[in-house]
PDB file of N, CA and C in Angstrom:
ATOM      1  N   ASP A   1      -9.617 -12.701 -11.421  1.00  0.00           N
ATOM      2  CA  ASP A   1      -9.732 -12.273 -12.458  1.00  0.00           C
ATOM      3  C   ASP A   1      -8.970 -13.079 -13.669  1.00  0.00           C
ATOM      4  N   ILE A   2      -9.578 -12.916 -14.719  1.00  0.00           N
ATOM      5  CA  ILE A   2      -7.910 -13.452 -15.433  1.00  0.00           C
ATOM      6  C   ILE A   2      -7.286 -12.742 -16.424  1.00  0.00           C
ATOM      7  N   ALA A   3      -6.066 -13.054 -16.378  1.00  0.00           N
ATOM      8  CA  ALA A   3      -4.694 -13.080 -17.233  1.00  0.00           C
ATOM      9  C   ALA A   3      -5.145 -12.590 -18.776  1.00  0.00           C
ATOM     10  N   GLY A   4      -4.595 -11.136 -18.454  1.00  0.00           N
ATOM     11  CA  GLY A   4      -4.912 -10.758 -20.330  1.00  0.00           C
ATOM     12  C   GLY A   4      -6.669 -10.626 -20.489  1.00  0.00           C
ATOM     13  N   PHE A   5      -6.958 -10.473 -19.578  1.00  0.00           N
ATOM     14  CA  PHE A   5      -8.827  -9.722 -19.877  1.00  0.00           C
ATOM     15  C   PHE A   5      -8.605  -8.959 -20.897  1.00  0.00           C
ATOM     16  N   THR A   6      -8.329  -8.322 -21.197  1.00  0.00           N
ATOM     17  CA  THR A   6      -8.298  -6.896 -22.171  1.00  0.00           C
ATOM     18  C   THR A   6      -7.385  -7.643 -23.197  1.00  0.00           C
ATOM     19  N   LYS A   7      -6.950  -7.628 -23.696  1.00  0.00           N
ATOM     20  CA  LYS A   7      -5.596  -8.136 -25.575  1.00  0.00           C
ATOM     21  C   LYS A   7      -7.110  -9.088 -24.956  1.00  0.00           C
ATOM     22  N   ILE A   8      -7.792 -10.106 -24.415  1.00  0.00           N
ATOM     23  CA  ILE A   8      -8.677 -11.178 -25.028  1.00  0.00           C
ATOM     24  C   ILE A   8      -9.859 -10.422 -26.137  1.00  0.00           C
ATOM     25  N   ALA A   9     -10.336 -10.325 -24.621  1.00  0.00           N
ATOM     26  CA  ALA A   9     -11.691  -9.451 -24.692  1.00  0.00           C
ATOM     27  C   ALA A   9     -11.553  -7.896 -26.761  1.00  0.00           C
ATOM     28  N   SER A  10     -10.543  -7.522 -26.458  1.00  0.00           N
ATOM     29  CA  SER A  10     -10.167  -6.565 -27.847  1.00  0.00           C
ATOM     30  C   SER A  10      -9.872  -7.350 -29.994  1.00  0.00           C
ATOM     31  N   LYS A  11     -10.158  -9.089 -28.892  1.00  0.00           N
ATOM     32  CA  LYS A  11      -9.765  -9.838 -29.951  1.00  0.00           C
ATOM     33  C   LYS A  11     -10.776 -10.771 -30.554  1.00  0.00           C
ATOM     34  N   ALA A  12     -11.988 -10.944 -29.603  1.00  0.00           N
ATOM     35  CA  ALA A  12     -12.775 -11.612 -29.639  1.00  0.00           C
ATOM     36  C   ALA A  12     -14.145 -10.913 -30.201  1.00  0.00           C
ATOM     37  N   THR A  13     -15.576 -11.039 -30.636  1.00  0.00           N
ATOM     38  CA  THR A  13     -16.424 -10.330 -30.225  1.00  0.00           C
ATOM     39  C   THR A  13     -16.962 -10.839 -29.024  1.00  0.00           C
ATOM     40  N   PRO A  14     -17.079  -9.175 -28.526  1.00  0.00           N
ATOM     41  CA  PRO A  14     -18.400  -9.438 -27.322  1.00  0.00           C
ATOM     42  C   PRO A  14     -19.542 -10.827 -27.346  1.00  0.00           C
ATOM     43  N   GLY A  15     -19.818 -10.943 -28.293  1.00  0.00           N
ATOM     44  CA  GLY A  15     -20.863 -12.453 -27.975  1.00  0.00           C
ATOM     45  C   GLY A  15     -19.541 -13.888 -27.310  1.00  0.00           C
ATOM     46  N   ASP A  16     -18.575 -13.435 -28.157  1.00  0.00           N
ATOM     47  CA  ASP A  16     -18.085 -14.551 -27.987  1.00  0.00           C
ATOM     48  C   ASP A  16     -17.498 -14.948 -26.372  1.00  0.00           C
ATOM     49  N   VAL A  17     -17.354 -13.167 -26.357  1.00  0.00           N
ATOM     50  CA  VAL A  17     -16.624 -13.016 -24.799  1.00  0.00           C
ATOM     51  C   VAL A  17     -17.714 -14.013 -24.166  1.00  0.00           C
ATOM     52  N   MET A  18     -19.326 -13.090 -23.196  1.00  0.00           N
ATOM     53  CA  MET A  18     -19.905 -13.677 -22.967  1.00  0.00           C
ATOM     54  C   MET A  18     -20.235 -14.969 -22.897  1.00  0.00           C
ATOM     55  N   ILE A  19     -19.783 -15.652 -23.975  1.00  0.00           N
ATOM     56  CA  ILE A  19     -19.840 -16.826 -23.577  1.00  0.00           C
ATOM     57  C   ILE A  19     -18.848 -18.113 -22.573  1.00  0.00           C
ATOM     58  N   MET A  20     -17.205 -17.395 -22.735  1.00  0.00           N
ATOM     59  CA  MET A  20     -15.803 -17.517 -22.363  1.00  0.00           C
ATOM     60  C   MET A  20     -16.828 -17.319 -20.868  1.00  0.00           C
ATOM     61  N   LEU A  21     -16.915 -16.349 -20.005  1.00  0.00           N
ATOM     62  CA  LEU A  21     -16.870 -15.455 -19.106  1.00  0.00           C
ATOM     63  C   LEU A  21     -18.628 -16.883 -18.457  1.00  0.00           C
ATOM     64  N   ASN A  22     -18.729 -16.934 -19.146  1.00  0.00           N
ATOM     65  CA  ASN A  22     -20.852 -17.806 -19.079  1.00  0.00           C
ATOM     66  C   ASN A  22     -20.457 -19.268 -18.289  1.00  0.00           C
ATOM     67  N   ARG A  23     -19.663 -20.123 -19.372  1.00  0.00           N
ATOM     68  CA  ARG A  23     -19.150 -21.212 -19.168  1.00  0.00           C
ATOM     69  C   ARG A  23     -18.455 -21.045 -17.487  1.00  0.00           C
ATOM     70  N   LEU A  24     -17.000 -19.912 -17.762  1.00  0.00           N
ATOM     71  CA  LEU A  24     -15.842 -19.507 -16.526  1.00  0.00           C
ATOM     72  C   LEU A  24     -17.037 -19.195 -15.529  1.00  0.00           C
ATOM     73  N   PHE A  25     -17.854 -18.482 -15.188  1.00  0.00           N
ATOM     74  CA  PHE A  25     -18.410 -18.624 -14.098  1.00  0.00           C
ATOM     75  C   PHE A  25     -19.842 -19.422 -13.334  1.00  0.00           C
ATOM     76  N   THR A  26     -20.191 -20.028 -14.226  1.00  0.00           N
ATOM     77  CA  THR A  26     -21.181 -21.197 -14.313  1.00  0.00           C
ATOM     78  C   THR A  26     -20.010 -22.496 -13.444  1.00  0.00           C
ATOM     79  N   LEU A  27     -19.112 -22.745 -13.995  1.00  0.00           N
ATOM     80  CA  LEU A  27     -18.004 -23.376 -13.075  1.00  0.00           C
ATOM     81  C   LEU A  27     -17.813 -22.760 -11.673  1.00  0.00           C
ATOM     82  N   PHE A  28     -17.148 -21.734 -11.632  1.00  0.00           N
ATOM     83  CA  PHE A  28     -16.695 -21.098 -10.344  1.00  0.00           C
ATOM     84  C   PHE A  28     -17.810 -20.859  -9.637  1.00  0.00           C
ATOM     85  N   ASP A  29     -19.577 -20.267  -9.776  1.00  0.00           N
ATOM     86  CA  ASP A  29     -21.391 -20.851  -9.241  1.00  0.00           C
ATOM     87  C   ASP A  29     -21.267 -21.686  -8.726  1.00  0.00           C
ATOM     88  N   GLU A  30     -20.505 -23.213  -9.596  1.00  0.00           N
ATOM     89  CA  GLU A  30     -20.908 -24.651  -8.647  1.00  0.00           C
ATOM     90  C   GLU A  30     -19.634 -25.113  -8.335  1.00  0.00           C
ATOM     91  N   CYS A  31     -18.260 -24.290  -7.683  1.00  0.00           N
ATOM     92  CA  CYS A  31     -17.665 -24.553  -6.743  1.00  0.00           C
ATOM     93  C   CYS A  31     -17.960 -23.583  -5.336  1.00  0.00           C
ATOM     94  N   CYS A  32     -18.728 -23.106  -5.413  1.00  0.00           N
ATOM     95  CA  CYS A  32     -19.881 -21.954  -4.649  1.00  0.00           C
ATOM     96  C   CYS A  32     -20.209 -22.581  -3.890  1.00  0.00           C
ATOM     97  N   GLU A  33     -20.743 -23.032  -4.601  1.00  0.00           N
ATOM     98  CA  GLU A  33     -21.974 -23.923  -4.142  1.00  0.00           C
ATOM     99  C   GLU A  33     -21.702 -25.264  -3.433  1.00  0.00           C
ATOM    100  N   TYR A  34     -20.785 -26.296  -3.830  1.00  0.00           N
ATOM    101  CA  TYR A  34     -19.996 -26.893  -3.552  1.00  0.00           C
ATOM    102  C   TYR A  34     -19.748 -26.950  -1.725  1.00  0.00           C
ATOM    103  N   HIS A  35     -18.019 -25.830  -1.986  1.00  0.00           N
ATOM    104  CA  HIS A  35     -18.157 -25.126  -0.658  1.00  0.00           C
ATOM    105  C   HIS A  35     -18.849 -24.354   0.450  1.00  0.00           C
ATOM    106  N   ASN A  36     -19.833 -24.228  -0.215  1.00  0.00           N
ATOM    107  CA  ASN A  36     -20.531 -23.599   0.580  1.00  0.00           C
ATOM    108  C   ASN A  36     -20.220 -21.568   1.390  1.00  0.00           C
ATOM    109  N   VAL A  37     -19.411 -21.272  -0.169  1.00  0.00           N
ATOM    110  CA  VAL A  37     -19.381 -20.260  -0.230  1.00  0.00           C
ATOM    111  C   VAL A  37     -19.675 -19.222  -0.986  1.00  0.00           C
ATOM    112  N   PHE A  38     -20.202 -18.101  -0.587  1.00  0.00           N
ATOM    113  CA  PHE A  38     -21.252 -16.845  -1.397  1.00  0.00           C
ATOM    114  C   PHE A  38     -20.637 -16.043  -1.695  1.00  0.00           C
ATOM    115  N   LYS A  39     -21.454 -16.390  -3.268  1.00  0.00           N
ATOM    116  CA  LYS A  39     -20.752 -15.237  -4.192  1.00  0.00           C
ATOM    117  C   LYS A  39     -21.232 -14.126  -4.051  1.00  0.00           C
ATOM    118  N   VAL A  40     -19.987 -13.234  -4.243  1.00  0.00           N
ATOM    119  CA  VAL A  40     -21.015 -11.383  -3.811  1.00  0.00           C
ATOM    120  C   VAL A  40     -21.634 -10.670  -5.135  1.00  0.00           C
ATOM    121  N   GLU A  41     -20.670 -10.981  -5.576  1.00  0.00           N
ATOM    122  CA  GLU A  41     -21.071 -10.756  -7.110  1.00  0.00           C
ATOM    123  C   GLU A  41     -19.662 -10.370  -8.604  1.00  0.00           C
ATOM    124  N   THR A  42     -20.195 -10.640  -9.550  1.00  0.00           N
ATOM    125  CA  THR A  42     -19.763 -10.738 -11.134  1.00  0.00           C
ATOM    126  C   THR A  42     -18.903  -8.818 -10.874  1.00  0.00           C
ATOM    127  N   ILE A  43     -17.574  -8.418 -11.345  1.00  0.00           N
ATOM    128  CA  ILE A  43     -17.271  -6.991 -12.260  1.00  0.00           C
ATOM    129  C   ILE A  43     -16.817  -7.358 -12.848  1.00  0.00           C
ATOM    130  N   GLY A  44     -16.745  -7.216 -14.723  1.00  0.00           N
ATOM    131  CA  GLY A  44     -16.454  -8.064 -15.967  1.00  0.00           C
ATOM    132  C   GLY A  44     -16.151  -9.793 -15.761  1.00  0.00           C
ATOM    133  N   ASP A  45     -14.469  -9.417 -15.496  1.00  0.00           N
ATOM    134  CA  ASP A  45     -13.951 -10.581 -15.558  1.00  0.00           C
ATOM    135  C   ASP A  45     -14.339 -10.944 -14.236  1.00  0.00           C
ATOM    136  N   SER A  46     -13.867  -9.602 -12.750  1.00  0.00           N
ATOM    137  CA  SER A  46     -13.216 -10.150 -11.691  1.00  0.00           C
ATOM    138  C   SER A  46     -14.479 -11.782 -10.916  1.00  0.00           C
ATOM    139  N   TYR A  47     -14.296 -12.601 -10.282  1.00  0.00           N
ATOM    140  CA  TYR A  47     -15.446 -13.152  -9.184  1.00  0.00           C
ATOM    141  C   TYR A  47     -15.367 -12.453  -7.879  1.00  0.00           C
ATOM    142  N   MET A  48     -15.719 -12.442  -7.018  1.00  0.00           N
ATOM    143  CA  MET A  48     -16.298 -11.601  -5.411  1.00  0.00           C
ATOM    144  C   MET A  48     -16.863 -12.746  -4.921  1.00  0.00           C
ATOM    145  N   CYS A  49     -16.360 -13.263  -3.741  1.00  0.00           N
ATOM    146  CA  CYS A  49     -16.966 -14.005  -2.870  1.00  0.00           C
ATOM    147  C   CYS A  49     -16.336 -13.727  -1.141  1.00  0.00           C
ATOM    148  N   VAL A  50     -16.846 -15.142  -0.620  1.00  0.00           N
ATOM    149  CA  VAL A  50     -16.653 -14.388   0.673  1.00  0.00           C
ATOM    150  C   VAL A  50     -17.270 -15.980   1.440  1.00  0.00           C
ATOM    151  N   SER A  51     -16.405 -16.559   2.420  1.00  0.00           N
ATOM    152  CA  SER A  51     -16.508 -17.488   3.319  1.00  0.00           C
ATOM    153  C   SER A  51     -16.611 -17.593   5.381  1.00  0.00           C
ATOM    154  N   GLY A  52     -17.761 -17.976   5.518  1.00  0.00           N
ATOM    155  CA  GLY A  52     -17.961 -17.554   6.495  1.00  0.00           C
ATOM    156  C   GLY A  52     -19.265 -16.337   7.375  1.00  0.00           C
ATOM    157  N   LEU A  53     -19.604 -16.633   5.682  1.00  0.00           N
ATOM    158  CA  LEU A  53     -20.513 -15.323   6.656  1.00  0.00           C
ATOM    159  C   LEU A  53     -22.459 -16.435   6.391  1.00  0.00           C
ATOM    160  N   ASN A  54     -22.176 -17.882   5.942  1.00  0.00           N
ATOM    161  CA  ASN A  54     -23.348 -18.840   5.509  1.00  0.00           C
ATOM    162  C   ASN A  54     -23.069 -19.550   5.590  1.00  0.00           C
ATOM    163  N   THR A  55     -23.213 -20.200   7.319  1.00  0.00           N
ATOM    164  CA  THR A  55     -22.562 -21.662   7.893  1.00  0.00           C
ATOM    165  C   THR A  55     -23.333 -22.485   8.629  1.00  0.00           C
ATOM    166  N   ASN A  56     -24.582 -21.559   8.049  1.00  0.00           N
ATOM    167  CA  ASN A  56     -25.754 -22.598   8.607  1.00  0.00           C
ATOM    168  C   ASN A  56     -27.181 -23.823   7.242  1.00  0.00           C
ATOM    169  N   GLY A  57     -26.409 -22.430   5.728  1.00  0.00           N
ATOM    170  CA  GLY A  57     -27.283 -24.066   4.746  1.00  0.00           C
ATOM    171  C   GLY A  57     -26.733 -25.504   5.276  1.00  0.00           C
ATOM    172  N   ASP A  58     -27.670 -25.586   3.853  1.00  0.00           N
ATOM    173  CA  ASP A  58     -28.417 -26.808   4.232  1.00  0.00           C
ATOM    174  C   ASP A  58     -27.073 -27.422   3.104  1.00  0.00           C
ATOM    175  N   GLY A  59     -26.621 -28.588   3.954  1.00  0.00           N
ATOM    176  CA  GLY A  59     -25.917 -29.560   3.903  1.00  0.00           C
ATOM    177  C   GLY A  59     -24.692 -28.492   4.166  1.00  0.00           C
ATOM    178  N   ASP A  60     -23.806 -28.467   4.592  1.00  0.00           N
ATOM    179  CA  ASP A  60     -23.180 -27.503   5.352  1.00  0.00           C
ATOM    180  C   ASP A  60     -21.811 -28.324   5.397  1.00  0.00           C
ATOM    181  N   ARG A  61     -22.530 -28.511   6.603  1.00  0.00           N
ATOM    182  CA  ARG A  61     -22.179 -29.291   7.742  1.00  0.00           C
ATOM    183  C   ARG A  61     -21.679 -30.439   7.116  1.00  0.00           C
ATOM    184  N   GLU A  62     -21.879 -31.583   6.216  1.00  0.00           N
ATOM    185  CA  GLU A  62     -22.351 -32.505   5.300  1.00  0.00           C
ATOM    186  C   GLU A  62     -20.975 -32.361   4.555  1.00  0.00           C
ATOM    187  N   ARG A  63     -20.543 -31.289   3.982  1.00  0.00           N
ATOM    188  CA  ARG A  63     -19.832 -30.801   2.636  1.00  0.00           C
ATOM    189  C   ARG A  63     -18.512 -30.743   3.752  1.00  0.00           C
ATOM    190  N   GLN A  64     -18.487 -29.348   4.749  1.00  0.00           N
ATOM    191  CA  GLN A  64     -17.117 -28.828   5.756  1.00  0.00           C
ATOM    192  C   GLN A  64     -17.204 -31.068   6.024  1.00  0.00           C
ATOM    193  N   ALA A  65     -17.747 -31.312   6.512  1.00  0.00           N
ATOM    194  CA  ALA A  65     -16.827 -33.036   7.239  1.00  0.00           C
ATOM    195  C   ALA A  65     -16.608 -33.885   6.116  1.00  0.00           C
ATOM    196  N   GLU A  66     -16.922 -33.887   5.228  1.00  0.00           N
ATOM    197  CA  GLU A  66     -16.976 -34.706   3.974  1.00  0.00           C
ATOM    198  C   GLU A  66     -14.927 -34.138   4.051  1.00  0.00           C
ATOM    199  N   MET A  67     -14.771 -32.791   3.972  1.00  0.00           N
ATOM    200  CA  MET A  67     -13.634 -32.109   4.125  1.00  0.00           C
ATOM    201  C   MET A  67     -12.200 -32.279   5.410  1.00  0.00           C
ATOM    202  N   GLY A  68     -13.243 -32.706   6.425  1.00  0.00           N
ATOM    203  CA  GLY A  68     -12.540 -32.735   7.532  1.00  0.00           C
ATOM    204  C   GLY A  68     -12.276 -31.571   8.414  1.00  0.00           C
ATOM    205  N   LEU A  69     -13.387 -29.860   7.277  1.00  0.00           N
ATOM    206  CA  LEU A  69     -13.184 -28.828   8.364  1.00  0.00           C
ATOM    207  C   LEU A  69     -14.754 -28.240   8.987  1.00  0.00           C
ATOM    208  N   THR A  70     -14.708 -28.031  10.082  1.00  0.00           N
ATOM    209  CA  THR A  70     -16.044 -27.329  11.283  1.00  0.00           C
ATOM    210  C   THR A  70     -15.840 -26.125  10.361  1.00  0.00           C
ATOM    211  N   ALA A  71     -17.817 -25.306  10.979  1.00  0.00           N
ATOM    212  CA  ALA A  71     -17.686 -24.041  10.511  1.00  0.00           C
ATOM    213  C   ALA A  71     -16.569 -22.899  11.181  1.00  0.00           C
ATOM    214  N   HIS A  72     -15.466 -23.012  11.769  1.00  0.00           N
ATOM    215  CA  HIS A  72     -14.951 -21.917  12.279  1.00  0.00           C
ATOM    216  C   HIS A  72     -13.640 -22.202  11.023  1.00  0.00           C
ATOM    217  N   HIS A  73     -13.748 -23.101  10.629  1.00  0.00           N
ATOM    218  CA  HIS A  73     -11.802 -22.662   9.434  1.00  0.00           C
ATOM    219  C   HIS A  73     -12.505 -22.003   7.492  1.00  0.00           C
ATOM    220  N   HIS A  74     -13.079 -21.308   8.518  1.00  0.00           N
ATOM    221  CA  HIS A  74     -13.180 -20.595   7.041  1.00  0.00           C
ATOM    222  C   HIS A  74     -12.256 -19.927   6.025  1.00  0.00           C
ATOM    223  N   ALA A  75     -11.132 -19.894   6.525  1.00  0.00           N
ATOM    224  CA  ALA A  75     -10.157 -19.873   5.738  1.00  0.00           C
ATOM    225  C   ALA A  75      -9.635 -21.355   4.523  1.00  0.00           C
ATOM    226  N   SER A  76     -10.039 -21.841   5.757  1.00  0.00           N
ATOM    227  CA  SER A  76      -9.431 -23.531   4.858  1.00  0.00           C
ATOM    228  C   SER A  76     -10.255 -24.225   3.725  1.00  0.00           C
ATOM    229  N   ARG A  77     -11.788 -23.443   4.294  1.00  0.00           N
ATOM    230  CA  ARG A  77     -12.796 -23.172   2.629  1.00  0.00           C
ATOM    231  C   ARG A  77     -12.697 -22.166   1.418  1.00  0.00           C
ATOM    232  N   MET A  78     -12.199 -21.894   2.128  1.00  0.00           N
ATOM    233  CA  MET A  78     -11.396 -20.350   0.339  1.00  0.00           C
ATOM    234  C   MET A  78     -10.038 -20.773   0.281  1.00  0.00           C
ATOM    235  N   VAL A  79      -9.450 -21.489   0.446  1.00  0.00           N
ATOM    236  CA  VAL A  79      -7.987 -21.449  -0.317  1.00  0.00           C
ATOM    237  C   VAL A  79      -9.408 -23.376  -1.013  1.00  0.00           C
ATOM    238  N   TYR A  80      -9.539 -23.934  -0.714  1.00  0.00           N
ATOM    239  CA  TYR A  80     -10.617 -25.221  -1.157  1.00  0.00           C
ATOM    240  C   TYR A  80     -10.840 -24.908  -1.855  1.00  0.00           C
ATOM    241  N   PHE A  81     -12.042 -24.012  -1.751  1.00  0.00           N
ATOM    242  CA  PHE A  81     -12.848 -23.556  -3.201  1.00  0.00           C
ATOM    243  C   PHE A  81     -11.429 -22.305  -4.527  1.00  0.00           C
ATOM    244  N   ALA A  82     -10.502 -21.320  -4.431  1.00  0.00           N
ATOM    245  CA  ALA A  82      -9.230 -21.386  -4.639  1.00  0.00           C
ATOM    246  C   ALA A  82      -9.467 -22.169  -5.698  1.00  0.00           C
ATOM    247  N   ARG A  83      -8.593 -23.551  -4.649  1.00  0.00           N
ATOM    248  CA  ARG A  83      -8.143 -24.425  -5.408  1.00  0.00           C
ATOM    249  C   ARG A  83      -9.185 -25.206  -6.955  1.00  0.00           C
ATOM    250  N   ASP A  84     -10.496 -25.103  -5.992  1.00  0.00           N
ATOM    251  CA  ASP A  84     -10.810 -26.273  -7.102  1.00  0.00           C
ATOM    252  C   ASP A  84     -11.239 -25.037  -7.420  1.00  0.00           C
ATOM    253  N   VAL A  85     -11.670 -23.809  -8.150  1.00  0.00           N
ATOM    254  CA  VAL A  85     -11.401 -22.728  -8.938  1.00  0.00           C
ATOM    255  C   VAL A  85     -10.556 -23.359 -10.580  1.00  0.00           C
ATOM    256  N   LEU A  86      -9.218 -23.798  -9.507  1.00  0.00           N
ATOM    257  CA  LEU A  86      -8.315 -23.036 -10.798  1.00  0.00           C
ATOM    258  C   LEU A  86      -8.143 -24.921 -11.344  1.00  0.00           C
ATOM    259  N   LEU A  87      -8.880 -26.262 -10.472  1.00  0.00           N
ATOM    260  CA  LEU A  87      -8.579 -26.621 -11.753  1.00  0.00           C
ATOM    261  C   LEU A  87      -9.724 -27.021 -12.758  1.00  0.00           C
ATOM    262  N   ALA A  88     -11.026 -26.181 -12.307  1.00  0.00           N
ATOM    263  CA  ALA A  88     -12.357 -25.482 -12.743  1.00  0.00           C
ATOM    264  C   ALA A  88     -11.842 -24.805 -14.371  1.00  0.00           C
ATOM    265  N   THR A  89     -11.045 -23.957 -14.034  1.00  0.00           N
ATOM    266  CA  THR A  89     -10.511 -22.443 -15.189  1.00  0.00           C
ATOM    267  C   THR A  89     -10.203 -23.479 -15.852  1.00  0.00           C
ATOM    268  N   GLY A  90      -9.016 -25.078 -16.463  1.00  0.00           N
ATOM    269  CA  GLY A  90      -8.918 -25.773 -16.466  1.00  0.00           C
ATOM    270  C   GLY A  90      -9.615 -26.026 -18.049  1.00  0.00           C
ATOM    271  N   GLU A  91     -10.692 -26.061 -17.362  1.00  0.00           N
ATOM    272  CA  GLU A  91     -11.862 -26.897 -18.906  1.00  0.00           C
ATOM    273  C   GLU A  91     -13.043 -25.932 -19.940  1.00  0.00           C
ATOM    274  N   VAL A  92     -12.294 -24.716 -19.427  1.00  0.00           N
ATOM    275  CA  VAL A  92     -12.409 -23.202 -20.728  1.00  0.00           C
ATOM    276  C   VAL A  92     -10.963 -22.475 -21.139  1.00  0.00           C
ATOM    277  N   THR A  93     -11.480 -22.432 -21.913  1.00  0.00           N
ATOM    278  CA  THR A  93     -10.316 -21.965 -23.644  1.00  0.00           C
ATOM    279  C   THR A  93     -11.101 -20.591 -23.740  1.00  0.00           C
ATOM    280  N   ASP A  94     -10.383 -18.975 -23.798  1.00  0.00           N
ATOM    281  CA  ASP A  94     -11.111 -17.977 -24.574  1.00  0.00           C
ATOM    282  C   ASP A  94     -11.068 -17.998 -26.203  1.00  0.00           C
ATOM    283  N   PRO A  95     -11.923 -18.060 -26.654  1.00  0.00           N
ATOM    284  CA  PRO A  95     -12.522 -17.487 -28.211  1.00  0.00           C
ATOM    285  C   PRO A  95     -11.865 -17.947 -29.056  1.00  0.00           C
ATOM    286  N   HIS A  96     -10.750 -18.080 -28.598  1.00  0.00           N
ATOM    287  CA  HIS A  96      -9.618 -18.672 -30.034  1.00  0.00           C
ATOM    288  C   HIS A  96      -8.503 -20.338 -29.867  1.00  0.00           C
ATOM    289  N   GLY A  97      -9.034 -20.658 -28.631  1.00  0.00           N
ATOM    290  CA  GLY A  97      -8.654 -21.727 -28.219  1.00  0.00           C
ATOM    291  C   GLY A  97      -7.988 -21.714 -27.291  1.00  0.00           C
ATOM    292  N   HIS A  98      -7.510 -20.612 -26.647  1.00  0.00           N
ATOM    293  CA  HIS A  98      -6.407 -20.651 -25.202  1.00  0.00           C
ATOM    294  C   HIS A  98      -7.039 -20.869 -24.478  1.00  0.00           C
ATOM    295  N   PRO A  99      -5.562 -21.092 -23.733  1.00  0.00           N
ATOM    296  CA  PRO A  99      -6.109 -22.084 -22.523  1.00  0.00           C
ATOM    297  C   PRO A  99      -6.128 -21.229 -20.839  1.00  0.00           C
ATOM    298  N   LEU A 100      -6.890 -20.446 -20.360  1.00  0.00           N
ATOM    299  CA  LEU A 100      -7.150 -18.916 -19.664  1.00  0.00           C
ATOM    300  C   LEU A 100      -5.999 -19.500 -18.477  1.00  0.00           C
ATOM    301  N   GLU A 101      -5.697 -18.629 -17.844  1.00  0.00           N
ATOM    302  CA  GLU A 101      -5.115 -18.003 -16.545  1.00  0.00           C
ATOM    303  C   GLU A 101      -6.230 -17.478 -15.661  1.00  0.00           C
ATOM    304  N   ILE A 102      -6.407 -17.668 -14.518  1.00  0.00           N
ATOM    305  CA  ILE A 102      -6.452 -16.400 -13.659  1.00  0.00           C
ATOM    306  C   ILE A 102      -6.003 -16.026 -12.056  1.00  0.00           C
ATOM    307  N   ARG A 103      -6.240 -14.880 -11.796  1.00  0.00           N
ATOM    308  CA  ARG A 103      -5.212 -14.750 -10.281  1.00  0.00           C
ATOM    309  C   ARG A 103      -5.317 -14.283  -9.361  1.00  0.00           C
ATOM    310  N   ILE A 104      -5.863 -15.342  -8.889  1.00  0.00           N
ATOM    311  CA  ILE A 104      -6.767 -15.555  -6.647  1.00  0.00           C
ATOM    312  C   ILE A 104      -6.142 -14.334  -6.240  1.00  0.00           C
ATOM    313  N   GLY A 105      -6.681 -13.788  -5.232  1.00  0.00           N
ATOM    314  CA  GLY A 105      -6.600 -12.981  -3.847  1.00  0.00           C
ATOM    315  C   GLY A 105      -7.272 -13.009  -3.314  1.00  0.00           C
ATOM    316  N   LEU A 106      -6.672 -13.695  -2.192  1.00  0.00           N
ATOM    317  CA  LEU A 106      -7.292 -14.378  -0.725  1.00  0.00           C
ATOM    318  C   LEU A 106      -6.944 -13.048   0.198  1.00  0.00           C
ATOM    319  N   HIS A 107      -8.085 -13.106   1.118  1.00  0.00           N
ATOM    320  CA  HIS A 107      -7.937 -11.654   2.538  1.00  0.00           C
ATOM    321  C   HIS A 107      -8.910 -12.497   3.628  1.00  0.00           C
ATOM    322  N   SER A 108      -8.026 -12.064   4.802  1.00  0.00           N
ATOM    323  CA  SER A 108      -8.786 -12.662   6.049  1.00  0.00           C
ATOM    324  C   SER A 108      -8.880 -11.157   6.771  1.00  0.00           C
ATOM    325  N   GLY A 109     -10.486 -12.010   7.383  1.00  0.00           N
ATOM    326  CA  GLY A 109     -10.544 -10.718   8.535  1.00  0.00           C
ATOM    327  C   GLY A 109     -12.028 -10.340   9.477  1.00  0.00           C
ATOM    328  N   ASP A 110     -11.794  -9.312   9.345  1.00  0.00           N
ATOM    329  CA  ASP A 110     -13.101  -8.997   9.579  1.00  0.00           C
ATOM    330  C   ASP A 110     -13.981  -8.728   7.316  1.00  0.00           C
ATOM    331  N   VAL A 111     -15.993  -8.290   8.238  1.00  0.00           N
ATOM    332  CA  VAL A 111     -16.343  -8.173   6.974  1.00  0.00           C
ATOM    333  C   VAL A 111     -17.445  -6.829   7.398  1.00  0.00           C
ATOM    334  N   MET A 112     -17.214  -5.335   6.626  1.00  0.00           N
ATOM    335  CA  MET A 112     -18.485  -4.626   6.911  1.00  0.00           C
ATOM    336  C   MET A 112     -19.029  -4.265   5.967  1.00  0.00           C
ATOM    337  N   SER A 113     -20.413  -4.542   6.323  1.00  0.00           N
ATOM    338  CA  SER A 113     -21.239  -4.167   4.291  1.00  0.00           C
ATOM    339  C   SER A 113     -22.180  -2.850   5.208  1.00  0.00           C
ATOM    340  N   GLY A 114     -22.358  -2.091   4.124  1.00  0.00           N
ATOM    341  CA  GLY A 114     -23.564  -0.586   4.603  1.00  0.00           C
ATOM    342  C   GLY A 114     -24.219  -0.301   3.235  1.00  0.00           C
TER     343      GLY A 114
END
């Protein structure tokens, strides 16, 4: 999520906030595609994704080979994704031109849906 998002949103127009989020999440989407990480959803200023569910996608094996990973390295893929997301965040500013800061949380383990 974006550190200070509530403060940012309170001092900007809704349109400017949406433009900022669209720019940021478009970059995150590109990182997902590159690392073959699946975006589950966005919730406000949060971006939720998962690795290891879609290991047979087009180009997945080639990208993993470029990074020296196999299909069994889901945690490593997510860490590389997180690193690229941090770098991409530097390309986006808030509506007042200040750099964004994000918080990233990682979890490993089984996934259940229903």
